[in-house]
């Protein structure tokens, strides 16, 4: 069974990067220091329940998503795929809008 600190660190970084959010931006979104995010992702600190709640709201994920074993979870593979497609779609829309106004 995986350690919860390891799962939290890996999944927080995974979702944050998947959404294209820097540690600095996430820290701003949840009203904490970027150093705190870095320490959570490197397992030097474990966040309070309040901080975890703010993180999942900012990332728009379920609390349990932070503790899933991403290596074996079909759910995580599906989520990753959907986020990539969403990002590609957003890029295409932004490009089309830019072309309209150039």
Protein backbone atom coordinates (compact mmCIF):
# COMPACT_ATOMS: atom_id res chain seq x y z
CA UNK A 1 0.00 0.00 0.00
CA UNK A 2 1.33 3.43 -0.93
CA UNK A 3 2.15 6.10 1.64
CA UNK A 4 -0.44 8.92 1.74
CA UNK A 5 2.30 11.56 1.71
CA UNK A 6 3.75 10.08 -1.49
CA UNK A 7 0.33 9.88 -3.14
CA UNK A 8 -0.55 13.44 -2.11
CA UNK A 9 2.78 14.82 -3.35
CA UNK A 10 2.58 13.01 -6.69
CA UNK A 11 -1.08 13.74 -7.33
CA UNK A 12 -0.92 17.39 -6.34
CA UNK A 13 1.96 17.96 -8.73
CA UNK A 14 0.27 15.85 -11.42
CA UNK A 15 -3.03 17.75 -11.33
CA UNK A 16 -1.34 21.13 -10.96
CA UNK A 17 0.87 20.53 -13.99
CA UNK A 18 -1.97 18.95 -15.94
CA UNK A 19 -3.93 22.15 -15.51
CA UNK A 20 -0.89 24.28 -16.35
CA UNK A 21 -0.82 25.92 -12.93
CA UNK A 22 2.52 26.91 -11.39
CA UNK A 23 3.24 26.50 -7.68
CA UNK A 24 3.10 30.30 -7.44
CA UNK A 25 -0.33 30.49 -9.11
CA UNK A 26 -1.78 27.69 -6.97
CA UNK A 27 -0.43 29.38 -3.85
CA UNK A 28 -2.19 32.61 -4.88
CA UNK A 29 -5.41 30.71 -5.56
CA UNK A 30 -5.47 29.10 -2.12
CA UNK A 31 -3.93 31.98 -0.17
CA UNK A 32 -0.71 30.34 0.97
CA UNK A 33 2.98 30.66 0.13
CA UNK A 34 4.54 29.02 -2.94
CA UNK A 35 7.04 27.51 -0.49
CA UNK A 36 4.15 25.62 1.16
CA UNK A 37 3.12 24.07 -2.17
CA UNK A 38 6.72 23.08 -2.83
CA UNK A 39 7.03 21.50 0.59
CA UNK A 40 3.82 19.50 0.11
CA UNK A 41 5.03 18.28 -3.30
CA UNK A 42 8.38 17.23 -1.80
CA UNK A 43 6.77 15.61 1.26
CA UNK A 44 8.39 18.03 3.71
CA UNK A 45 4.98 19.19 4.99
CA UNK A 46 1.52 17.71 5.17
CA UNK A 47 -1.29 20.24 4.70
CA UNK A 48 -4.11 20.83 7.12
CA UNK A 49 -7.63 19.73 6.23
CA UNK A 50 -8.48 23.36 5.49
CA UNK A 51 -5.55 23.68 3.07
CA UNK A 52 -6.47 20.38 1.39
CA UNK A 53 -10.01 21.66 0.97
CA UNK A 54 -8.77 24.87 -0.70
CA UNK A 55 -6.44 22.86 -2.95
CA UNK A 56 -9.17 20.54 -4.25
CA UNK A 57 -11.50 23.48 -4.86
CA UNK A 58 -8.79 25.37 -6.76
CA UNK A 59 -7.92 22.32 -8.87
CA UNK A 60 -11.60 21.40 -9.27
CA UNK A 61 -11.06 17.80 -8.26
CA UNK A 62 -12.54 15.48 -5.64
CA UNK A 63 -10.60 15.21 -2.38
CA UNK A 64 -10.08 11.49 -3.00
CA UNK A 65 -8.29 12.29 -6.28
CA UNK A 66 -5.30 13.51 -4.27
CA UNK A 67 -4.89 10.08 -2.70
CA UNK A 68 -5.41 7.76 -5.68
CA UNK A 69 -2.60 5.53 -6.86
CA UNK A 70 -2.08 7.10 -10.29
CA UNK A 71 0.09 4.27 -11.55
CA UNK A 72 -2.78 1.79 -11.57
CA UNK A 73 -5.87 3.93 -11.79
CA UNK A 74 -7.86 3.88 -15.01
CA UNK A 75 -9.72 6.88 -13.66
CA UNK A 76 -6.51 8.92 -13.53
CA UNK A 77 -5.57 7.86 -17.06
CA UNK A 78 -9.01 8.96 -18.27
CA UNK A 79 -8.81 12.28 -16.41
CA UNK A 80 -5.35 12.95 -17.83
CA UNK A 81 -6.59 12.23 -21.33
CA UNK A 82 -9.63 14.48 -20.92
CA UNK A 83 -7.54 17.35 -19.55
CA UNK A 84 -5.12 17.07 -22.48
CA UNK A 85 -8.00 17.14 -24.98
CA UNK A 86 -9.55 20.11 -23.17
CA UNK A 87 -6.23 21.95 -23.32
CA UNK A 88 -5.85 21.22 -27.03
CA UNK A 89 -9.42 22.40 -27.67
CA UNK A 90 -8.80 25.63 -25.73
CA UNK A 91 -5.67 26.25 -27.79
CA UNK A 92 -7.59 25.79 -31.04
CA UNK A 93 -10.33 28.16 -29.89
CA UNK A 94 -7.81 30.80 -28.80
CA UNK A 95 -5.98 30.49 -32.12
CA UNK A 96 -9.25 30.87 -34.07
CA UNK A 97 -10.19 33.95 -32.02
CA UNK A 98 -6.75 35.48 -32.57
CA UNK A 99 -7.05 34.90 -36.33
CA UNK A 100 -10.45 36.61 -36.37
CA UNK A 101 -9.08 39.76 -34.79
CA UNK A 102 -5.76 40.01 -36.63
